[in-house]
């Protein structure tokens, strides 16, 4: 399966992003946008100002579009500090973190006592090599918590088109 994905003329790109803080006293999105960096290349820019720290829990849910978005593969919650201590215990989060660390300041262990910045993150087809997914439109919902209370969410919408149906 990985050889098929690696040799395909794939397409893996952002469609939209939505960022929301439930309580403005805890966080604020200074920047949450997709920017065209070149022909067919879209980069993600995000700046999250954390007003009360630490942000310690993240929940990730994936959805696929079938007459609306429906949960399809993952609905996982993890403690961020535990993830950085034991990355091999959380393979899905590790797959998400690998491309993210090159474009962000989210690349060190706990505690996180500063803003989180992602600059010009581009999705590419190599990100699919480890996680085979069928063609379609997807939504990745990331919900962030502090003190056991969900504080904000980020919705990534993206398209996977491998040029053929599996």
N, C-alpha and C. Protein backbone atom coordinates (compact mmCIF):
# COMPACT_ATOMS: atom_id res chain seq x y z
N UNK A 1 0.83 -1.19 0.00
CA UNK A 1 0.00 0.00 0.00
C UNK A 1 0.87 1.26 0.00
N UNK A 2 1.93 1.25 0.79
CA UNK A 2 2.81 2.42 0.87
C UNK A 2 3.50 2.66 -0.47
N UNK A 3 3.89 1.59 -1.17
CA UNK A 3 4.52 1.76 -2.48
C UNK A 3 3.55 2.37 -3.48
N UNK A 4 2.28 2.00 -3.40
CA UNK A 4 1.29 2.58 -4.30
C UNK A 4 1.15 4.07 -4.03
N UNK A 5 1.07 4.45 -2.74
CA UNK A 5 0.95 5.86 -2.39
C UNK A 5 2.19 6.64 -2.79
N UNK A 6 3.36 6.05 -2.59
CA UNK A 6 4.60 6.74 -2.89
C UNK A 6 4.76 7.01 -4.38
N UNK A 7 4.29 6.10 -5.22
CA UNK A 7 4.46 6.26 -6.65
C UNK A 7 3.33 6.99 -7.34
N UNK A 8 2.31 7.42 -6.60
CA UNK A 8 1.15 8.04 -7.24
C UNK A 8 1.38 9.53 -7.45
N UNK A 9 0.60 10.09 -8.37
CA UNK A 9 0.59 11.54 -8.56
C UNK A 9 -0.47 12.10 -7.64
N UNK A 10 -0.18 12.19 -6.38
CA UNK A 10 -1.16 12.54 -5.37
C UNK A 10 -1.39 14.02 -5.24
N UNK A 11 -2.44 14.32 -4.54
CA UNK A 11 -2.81 15.69 -4.25
C UNK A 11 -3.28 15.71 -2.82
N UNK A 12 -2.66 16.51 -2.00
CA UNK A 12 -2.97 16.61 -0.59
C UNK A 12 -2.89 18.08 -0.25
N UNK A 13 -4.03 18.77 -0.14
CA UNK A 13 -3.95 20.22 0.05
C UNK A 13 -5.05 20.74 0.95
N UNK A 14 -4.74 21.89 1.55
CA UNK A 14 -5.70 22.57 2.41
C UNK A 14 -6.86 23.10 1.59
N UNK A 15 -8.04 23.09 2.19
CA UNK A 15 -9.20 23.71 1.59
C UNK A 15 -9.67 24.91 2.42
N UNK A 16 -9.63 24.77 3.75
CA UNK A 16 -10.11 25.85 4.62
C UNK A 16 -9.59 25.59 6.03
N UNK A 17 -9.64 26.62 6.86
CA UNK A 17 -9.29 26.48 8.28
C UNK A 17 -10.19 27.41 9.08
N UNK A 18 -10.63 26.95 10.23
CA UNK A 18 -11.45 27.75 11.13
C UNK A 18 -10.88 27.60 12.54
N UNK A 19 -10.69 28.73 13.21
CA UNK A 19 -10.15 28.73 14.56
C UNK A 19 -11.12 29.45 15.48
N UNK A 20 -11.30 28.89 16.68
CA UNK A 20 -12.27 29.50 17.59
C UNK A 20 -11.81 29.28 19.03
N UNK A 21 -11.86 30.35 19.83
CA UNK A 21 -11.63 30.26 21.27
C UNK A 21 -12.99 30.33 21.95
N UNK A 22 -13.23 29.41 22.86
CA UNK A 22 -14.50 29.41 23.58
C UNK A 22 -14.56 30.54 24.59
N UNK A 23 -13.43 30.83 25.22
CA UNK A 23 -13.35 31.91 26.20
C UNK A 23 -12.15 32.80 25.86
N UNK A 24 -12.40 34.06 25.59
CA UNK A 24 -11.34 34.99 25.21
C UNK A 24 -10.35 35.25 26.34
N UNK A 25 -10.72 34.94 27.58
CA UNK A 25 -9.80 35.15 28.70
C UNK A 25 -8.71 34.07 28.75
N UNK A 26 -8.87 32.99 27.97
CA UNK A 26 -7.89 31.91 27.97
C UNK A 26 -7.00 31.90 26.74
N UNK A 27 -7.55 32.22 25.59
CA UNK A 27 -6.74 32.19 24.38
C UNK A 27 -7.30 33.16 23.35
N UNK A 28 -6.46 33.49 22.38
CA UNK A 28 -6.87 34.35 21.28
C UNK A 28 -6.07 33.98 20.06
N UNK A 29 -6.76 33.85 18.94
CA UNK A 29 -6.08 33.56 17.68
C UNK A 29 -5.73 34.89 17.02
N UNK A 30 -4.45 35.26 17.08
CA UNK A 30 -3.99 36.49 16.43
C UNK A 30 -3.99 36.32 14.92
N UNK A 31 -3.69 35.09 14.47
CA UNK A 31 -3.65 34.79 13.04
C UNK A 31 -4.11 33.36 12.85
N UNK A 32 -4.98 33.16 11.87
CA UNK A 32 -5.46 31.83 11.52
C UNK A 32 -5.88 31.91 10.06
N UNK A 33 -4.94 31.60 9.17
CA UNK A 33 -5.22 31.82 7.74
C UNK A 33 -4.44 30.86 6.86
N UNK A 34 -4.95 30.71 5.67
CA UNK A 34 -4.25 29.99 4.61
C UNK A 34 -3.78 31.02 3.60
N UNK A 35 -2.55 30.93 3.18
CA UNK A 35 -1.98 31.86 2.20
C UNK A 35 -1.44 31.11 1.02
N UNK A 36 -1.66 31.64 -0.16
CA UNK A 36 -1.09 31.07 -1.37
C UNK A 36 0.38 31.47 -1.43
N UNK A 37 1.26 30.46 -1.47
CA UNK A 37 2.70 30.72 -1.50
C UNK A 37 3.26 30.62 -2.91
N UNK A 38 2.54 29.98 -3.78
CA UNK A 38 2.97 29.78 -5.16
C UNK A 38 1.87 29.05 -5.91
N UNK A 39 2.12 28.73 -7.14
CA UNK A 39 1.11 28.05 -7.94
C UNK A 39 0.81 26.68 -7.35
N UNK A 40 -0.41 26.51 -6.85
CA UNK A 40 -0.83 25.24 -6.27
C UNK A 40 -0.27 24.94 -4.89
N UNK A 41 0.40 25.91 -4.28
CA UNK A 41 1.00 25.70 -2.96
C UNK A 41 0.32 26.64 -1.97
N UNK A 42 -0.27 26.04 -0.93
CA UNK A 42 -0.97 26.81 0.10
C UNK A 42 -0.30 26.53 1.43
N UNK A 43 -0.01 27.61 2.17
CA UNK A 43 0.65 27.48 3.47
C UNK A 43 -0.27 27.92 4.59
N UNK A 44 -0.13 27.29 5.73
CA UNK A 44 -0.91 27.61 6.92
C UNK A 44 -0.10 28.55 7.80
N UNK A 45 -0.73 29.64 8.23
CA UNK A 45 -0.13 30.57 9.19
C UNK A 45 -1.07 30.67 10.39
N UNK A 46 -0.52 30.45 11.58
CA UNK A 46 -1.35 30.51 12.78
C UNK A 46 -0.52 31.08 13.93
N UNK A 47 -1.17 31.92 14.73
CA UNK A 47 -0.55 32.46 15.94
C UNK A 47 -1.61 32.40 17.03
N UNK A 48 -1.37 31.56 18.03
CA UNK A 48 -2.30 31.40 19.15
C UNK A 48 -1.66 32.03 20.37
N UNK A 49 -2.34 33.03 20.93
CA UNK A 49 -1.86 33.65 22.15
C UNK A 49 -2.55 32.96 23.32
N UNK A 50 -1.78 32.26 24.13
CA UNK A 50 -2.30 31.57 25.31
C UNK A 50 -2.22 32.52 26.49
N UNK A 51 -3.37 32.90 27.02
CA UNK A 51 -3.40 33.87 28.11
C UNK A 51 -3.30 33.21 29.48
N UNK A 52 -3.77 31.96 29.58
CA UNK A 52 -3.64 31.21 30.82
C UNK A 52 -3.06 29.85 30.49
N UNK A 53 -2.00 29.52 31.17
CA UNK A 53 -1.28 28.29 30.88
C UNK A 53 -1.35 27.34 32.07
N UNK A 54 -1.03 26.10 31.92
CA UNK A 54 -0.57 25.43 30.72
C UNK A 54 -1.72 24.87 29.89
N UNK A 55 -1.48 24.74 28.59
CA UNK A 55 -2.39 23.98 27.73
C UNK A 55 -1.88 22.55 27.80
N UNK A 56 -2.69 21.64 28.33
CA UNK A 56 -2.13 20.33 28.61
C UNK A 56 -2.88 19.16 27.96
N UNK A 57 -4.01 19.38 27.36
CA UNK A 57 -4.77 18.27 26.78
C UNK A 57 -5.21 18.63 25.37
N UNK A 58 -5.08 17.68 24.45
CA UNK A 58 -5.49 17.87 23.07
C UNK A 58 -6.34 16.69 22.65
N UNK A 59 -7.44 16.98 21.97
CA UNK A 59 -8.32 15.93 21.43
C UNK A 59 -8.36 16.10 19.92
N UNK A 60 -8.16 15.01 19.19
CA UNK A 60 -8.16 15.05 17.73
C UNK A 60 -9.22 14.09 17.22
N UNK A 61 -10.08 14.59 16.33
CA UNK A 61 -11.11 13.77 15.70
C UNK A 61 -11.02 13.99 14.20
N UNK A 62 -11.06 12.91 13.42
CA UNK A 62 -11.06 13.03 11.96
C UNK A 62 -12.45 12.73 11.43
N UNK A 63 -12.82 13.46 10.39
CA UNK A 63 -14.11 13.31 9.74
C UNK A 63 -13.88 13.18 8.23
N UNK A 64 -14.76 12.45 7.56
CA UNK A 64 -14.75 12.39 6.10
C UNK A 64 -16.11 12.84 5.61
N UNK A 65 -16.13 13.52 4.47
CA UNK A 65 -17.38 14.07 3.96
C UNK A 65 -18.17 13.01 3.21
N UNK A 66 -19.32 12.66 3.72
CA UNK A 66 -20.33 11.81 3.09
C UNK A 66 -21.67 12.44 3.42
N UNK A 67 -22.22 13.27 2.55
CA UNK A 67 -23.47 13.99 2.87
C UNK A 67 -23.32 14.70 4.21
N UNK A 68 -22.28 15.49 4.33
CA UNK A 68 -21.92 16.12 5.59
C UNK A 68 -20.69 15.41 6.14
N UNK A 69 -20.04 16.00 7.12
CA UNK A 69 -18.85 15.39 7.68
C UNK A 69 -19.24 14.39 8.77
N UNK A 70 -18.70 13.18 8.66
CA UNK A 70 -18.99 12.11 9.60
C UNK A 70 -17.67 11.57 10.16
N UNK A 71 -17.65 11.26 11.46
CA UNK A 71 -16.41 10.70 12.03
C UNK A 71 -16.02 9.42 11.30
N UNK A 72 -14.70 9.27 11.03
CA UNK A 72 -14.32 8.09 10.27
C UNK A 72 -13.20 7.27 10.88
N UNK A 73 -12.09 7.84 11.31
CA UNK A 73 -10.97 7.02 11.73
C UNK A 73 -10.56 7.22 13.19
N UNK A 74 -10.32 8.44 13.59
CA UNK A 74 -9.70 8.69 14.88
C UNK A 74 -10.53 9.64 15.74
N UNK A 75 -10.57 9.33 17.02
CA UNK A 75 -11.15 10.20 18.04
C UNK A 75 -10.29 9.97 19.28
N UNK A 76 -9.19 10.71 19.38
CA UNK A 76 -8.15 10.44 20.37
C UNK A 76 -7.91 11.69 21.21
N UNK A 77 -7.72 11.48 22.49
CA UNK A 77 -7.37 12.57 23.39
C UNK A 77 -6.05 12.20 24.08
N UNK A 78 -5.17 13.19 24.26
CA UNK A 78 -3.85 12.90 24.84
C UNK A 78 -3.37 14.09 25.66
N UNK A 79 -2.61 13.78 26.69
CA UNK A 79 -1.92 14.80 27.47
C UNK A 79 -0.65 15.17 26.71
N UNK A 80 -0.46 16.44 26.42
CA UNK A 80 0.66 16.89 25.59
C UNK A 80 2.00 16.55 26.23
N UNK A 81 2.13 16.79 27.52
CA UNK A 81 3.41 16.51 28.20
C UNK A 81 3.72 15.02 28.19
N UNK A 82 2.70 14.19 28.37
CA UNK A 82 2.90 12.74 28.31
C UNK A 82 3.32 12.31 26.91
N UNK A 83 2.75 12.95 25.90
CA UNK A 83 3.13 12.64 24.52
C UNK A 83 4.61 12.94 24.27
N UNK A 84 5.11 14.07 24.73
CA UNK A 84 6.51 14.41 24.49
C UNK A 84 7.47 13.52 25.27
N UNK A 85 7.03 12.96 26.39
CA UNK A 85 7.87 12.03 27.13
C UNK A 85 7.90 10.66 26.50
N UNK A 86 6.78 10.22 25.91
CA UNK A 86 6.64 8.86 25.38
C UNK A 86 5.98 8.90 24.00
N UNK A 87 6.68 9.37 23.00
CA UNK A 87 6.12 9.54 21.66
C UNK A 87 5.70 8.23 21.01
N UNK A 88 6.38 7.15 21.31
CA UNK A 88 6.05 5.87 20.68
C UNK A 88 4.71 5.31 21.15
N UNK A 89 4.22 5.78 22.27
CA UNK A 89 2.91 5.33 22.77
C UNK A 89 1.74 5.93 21.98
N UNK A 90 1.99 6.99 21.27
CA UNK A 90 0.94 7.72 20.57
C UNK A 90 1.30 7.85 19.09
N UNK A 91 1.18 6.78 18.30
CA UNK A 91 1.64 6.83 16.91
C UNK A 91 0.88 7.83 16.03
N UNK A 92 -0.43 7.99 16.23
CA UNK A 92 -1.18 8.94 15.41
C UNK A 92 -0.73 10.37 15.68
N UNK A 93 -0.53 10.73 16.94
CA UNK A 93 -0.05 12.07 17.27
C UNK A 93 1.36 12.29 16.75
N UNK A 94 2.17 11.25 16.76
CA UNK A 94 3.52 11.37 16.24
C UNK A 94 3.50 11.62 14.73
N UNK A 95 2.56 10.99 14.00
CA UNK A 95 2.42 11.25 12.57
C UNK A 95 2.02 12.70 12.30
N UNK A 96 1.18 13.26 13.15
CA UNK A 96 0.77 14.65 13.00
C UNK A 96 1.88 15.62 13.41
N UNK A 97 2.64 15.24 14.43
CA UNK A 97 3.66 16.13 14.97
C UNK A 97 4.89 16.25 14.06
N UNK A 98 5.28 15.18 13.38
CA UNK A 98 6.48 15.20 12.54
C UNK A 98 6.49 16.34 11.53
N UNK A 99 5.45 16.52 10.71
CA UNK A 99 5.50 17.65 9.77
C UNK A 99 5.34 19.00 10.47
N UNK A 100 4.64 19.03 11.59
CA UNK A 100 4.36 20.28 12.29
C UNK A 100 5.61 20.90 12.91
N UNK A 101 6.50 20.07 13.44
CA UNK A 101 7.65 20.60 14.17
C UNK A 101 8.60 21.41 13.32
N UNK A 102 8.64 21.18 12.02
CA UNK A 102 9.53 21.94 11.15
C UNK A 102 9.02 23.35 10.86
N UNK A 103 7.74 23.59 11.08
CA UNK A 103 7.15 24.88 10.74
C UNK A 103 6.69 25.67 11.96
N UNK A 104 6.96 25.17 13.17
CA UNK A 104 6.39 25.84 14.35
C UNK A 104 7.41 25.95 15.48
N UNK A 105 6.99 26.67 16.51
CA UNK A 105 7.78 26.72 17.74
C UNK A 105 7.27 25.68 18.73
N UNK A 106 6.45 24.78 18.27
CA UNK A 106 5.87 23.70 19.07
C UNK A 106 6.79 22.50 18.98
N UNK A 107 8.07 22.70 19.29
CA UNK A 107 9.06 21.66 19.06
C UNK A 107 9.95 21.41 20.27
N UNK A 108 9.38 21.56 21.46
CA UNK A 108 10.12 21.26 22.67
C UNK A 108 9.17 20.63 23.69
N UNK A 109 9.74 20.10 24.74
CA UNK A 109 8.92 19.44 25.75
C UNK A 109 8.24 20.46 26.65
N UNK A 110 7.44 19.97 27.55
CA UNK A 110 6.66 20.83 28.46
C UNK A 110 7.59 21.54 29.43
N UNK A 111 7.17 22.64 30.01
CA UNK A 111 5.88 23.31 29.88
C UNK A 111 5.85 24.28 28.69
N UNK A 112 4.65 24.52 28.18
CA UNK A 112 4.45 25.52 27.13
C UNK A 112 3.93 26.78 27.80
N UNK A 113 4.78 27.75 27.95
CA UNK A 113 4.40 29.00 28.60
C UNK A 113 4.60 30.18 27.66
N UNK A 114 4.31 29.96 26.39
CA UNK A 114 4.45 31.00 25.39
C UNK A 114 3.42 30.79 24.29
N UNK A 115 3.33 31.74 23.38
CA UNK A 115 2.41 31.62 22.25
C UNK A 115 2.86 30.49 21.33
N UNK A 116 1.90 29.93 20.60
CA UNK A 116 2.21 28.88 19.63
C UNK A 116 2.08 29.49 18.24
N UNK A 117 3.14 29.35 17.46
CA UNK A 117 3.19 29.95 16.13
C UNK A 117 3.50 28.88 15.10
N UNK A 118 2.69 28.83 14.05
CA UNK A 118 2.94 27.97 12.90
C UNK A 118 3.09 28.89 11.71
N UNK A 119 4.18 28.75 10.96
CA UNK A 119 4.46 29.68 9.88
C UNK A 119 4.68 28.93 8.57
N UNK A 120 3.83 29.17 7.59
CA UNK A 120 3.96 28.67 6.22
C UNK A 120 4.06 27.14 6.14
N UNK A 121 3.20 26.45 6.89
CA UNK A 121 3.19 24.99 6.85
C UNK A 121 2.47 24.51 5.59
N UNK A 122 3.15 23.74 4.78
CA UNK A 122 2.60 23.24 3.52
C UNK A 122 2.39 21.73 3.64
N UNK A 123 1.20 21.27 3.24
CA UNK A 123 0.94 19.84 3.19
C UNK A 123 1.57 19.27 1.94
N UNK A 124 2.15 18.08 2.06
CA UNK A 124 2.71 17.43 0.88
C UNK A 124 2.35 15.95 0.87
N UNK A 125 2.56 15.31 -0.26
CA UNK A 125 2.13 13.93 -0.46
C UNK A 125 2.91 12.95 0.42
N UNK A 126 4.11 13.29 0.86
CA UNK A 126 4.88 12.40 1.70
C UNK A 126 4.21 12.20 3.06
N UNK A 127 3.35 13.12 3.46
CA UNK A 127 2.64 12.98 4.73
C UNK A 127 1.65 11.82 4.69
N UNK A 128 1.25 11.41 3.49
CA UNK A 128 0.31 10.30 3.35
C UNK A 128 0.99 8.95 3.35
N UNK A 129 2.29 8.90 3.19
CA UNK A 129 3.00 7.63 3.10
C UNK A 129 2.76 6.73 4.30
N UNK A 130 2.70 7.30 5.49
CA UNK A 130 2.55 6.50 6.70
C UNK A 130 1.10 6.29 7.09
N UNK A 131 0.18 7.05 6.52
CA UNK A 131 -1.22 6.97 6.89
C UNK A 131 -2.08 6.86 5.64
N UNK A 132 -2.32 5.64 5.16
CA UNK A 132 -3.10 5.50 3.93
C UNK A 132 -4.56 5.89 4.16
N UNK A 133 -5.04 6.81 3.35
CA UNK A 133 -6.42 7.26 3.42
C UNK A 133 -7.01 7.26 2.02
N UNK A 134 -8.29 6.99 1.89
CA UNK A 134 -8.92 7.01 0.57
C UNK A 134 -9.13 8.43 0.06
N UNK A 135 -9.41 8.56 -1.23
CA UNK A 135 -9.73 9.86 -1.80
C UNK A 135 -10.91 10.47 -1.07
N UNK A 136 -10.93 11.79 -1.02
CA UNK A 136 -12.08 12.46 -0.42
C UNK A 136 -11.71 13.76 0.25
N UNK A 137 -12.73 14.35 0.85
CA UNK A 137 -12.56 15.59 1.60
C UNK A 137 -12.65 15.24 3.08
N UNK A 138 -11.74 15.83 3.86
CA UNK A 138 -11.63 15.49 5.27
C UNK A 138 -11.64 16.75 6.12
N UNK A 139 -12.02 16.54 7.38
CA UNK A 139 -11.93 17.58 8.39
C UNK A 139 -11.18 17.00 9.57
N UNK A 140 -10.20 17.75 10.07
CA UNK A 140 -9.44 17.36 11.25
C UNK A 140 -9.78 18.38 12.32
N UNK A 141 -10.42 17.93 13.39
CA UNK A 141 -10.85 18.81 14.48
C UNK A 141 -9.90 18.62 15.65
N UNK A 142 -9.26 19.71 16.06
CA UNK A 142 -8.35 19.68 17.21
C UNK A 142 -8.94 20.58 18.28
N UNK A 143 -9.19 20.01 19.46
CA UNK A 143 -9.75 20.75 20.58
C UNK A 143 -8.70 20.80 21.69
N UNK A 144 -8.49 21.98 22.27
CA UNK A 144 -7.42 22.21 23.25
C UNK A 144 -8.04 22.47 24.62
N UNK A 145 -7.43 21.90 25.68
CA UNK A 145 -7.96 22.05 27.03
C UNK A 145 -6.88 22.53 28.00
N UNK A 146 -7.33 23.26 29.02
CA UNK A 146 -6.51 23.59 30.19
C UNK A 146 -7.37 23.31 31.42
N UNK A 147 -6.74 22.82 32.46
CA UNK A 147 -7.43 22.55 33.72
C UNK A 147 -8.67 21.68 33.52
N UNK A 148 -8.65 20.78 32.56
CA UNK A 148 -9.77 19.88 32.31
C UNK A 148 -10.97 20.50 31.62
N UNK A 149 -10.84 21.73 31.15
CA UNK A 149 -11.94 22.43 30.48
C UNK A 149 -11.52 22.73 29.05
N UNK A 150 -12.37 22.38 28.08
CA UNK A 150 -12.06 22.63 26.67
C UNK A 150 -12.12 24.13 26.40
N UNK A 151 -11.03 24.69 25.85
CA UNK A 151 -10.88 26.14 25.70
C UNK A 151 -10.99 26.65 24.26
N UNK A 152 -10.60 25.87 23.28
CA UNK A 152 -10.64 26.34 21.89
C UNK A 152 -10.56 25.19 20.93
N UNK A 153 -10.83 25.49 19.65
CA UNK A 153 -10.78 24.45 18.63
C UNK A 153 -10.24 24.99 17.32
N UNK A 154 -9.66 24.07 16.56
CA UNK A 154 -9.14 24.38 15.24
C UNK A 154 -9.68 23.32 14.30
N UNK A 155 -10.28 23.74 13.19
CA UNK A 155 -10.79 22.81 12.19
C UNK A 155 -9.98 22.98 10.91
N UNK A 156 -9.34 21.91 10.47
CA UNK A 156 -8.61 21.89 9.21
C UNK A 156 -9.45 21.13 8.20
N UNK A 157 -9.68 21.72 7.05
CA UNK A 157 -10.36 21.04 5.97
C UNK A 157 -9.34 20.80 4.86
N UNK A 158 -9.24 19.57 4.38
CA UNK A 158 -8.27 19.27 3.34
C UNK A 158 -8.81 18.21 2.40
N UNK A 159 -8.16 18.11 1.24
CA UNK A 159 -8.57 17.17 0.19
C UNK A 159 -7.44 16.17 -0.06
N UNK A 160 -7.84 14.93 -0.25
CA UNK A 160 -6.91 13.87 -0.66
C UNK A 160 -7.41 13.35 -2.00
N UNK A 161 -6.57 13.48 -3.02
CA UNK A 161 -6.92 12.98 -4.35
C UNK A 161 -5.68 12.33 -4.93
N UNK A 162 -5.70 11.02 -4.97
CA UNK A 162 -4.54 10.27 -5.41
C UNK A 162 -4.54 9.99 -6.91
N UNK A 163 -5.54 10.49 -7.61
CA UNK A 163 -5.57 10.31 -9.05
C UNK A 163 -6.21 9.00 -9.49
N UNK A 164 -6.66 8.21 -8.53
CA UNK A 164 -7.33 6.97 -8.84
C UNK A 164 -8.17 6.58 -7.63
N UNK A 165 -9.14 5.73 -7.83
CA UNK A 165 -9.97 5.22 -6.72
C UNK A 165 -9.40 3.92 -6.23
N UNK A 166 -9.39 3.74 -4.94
CA UNK A 166 -8.89 2.49 -4.37
C UNK A 166 -10.02 1.52 -4.20
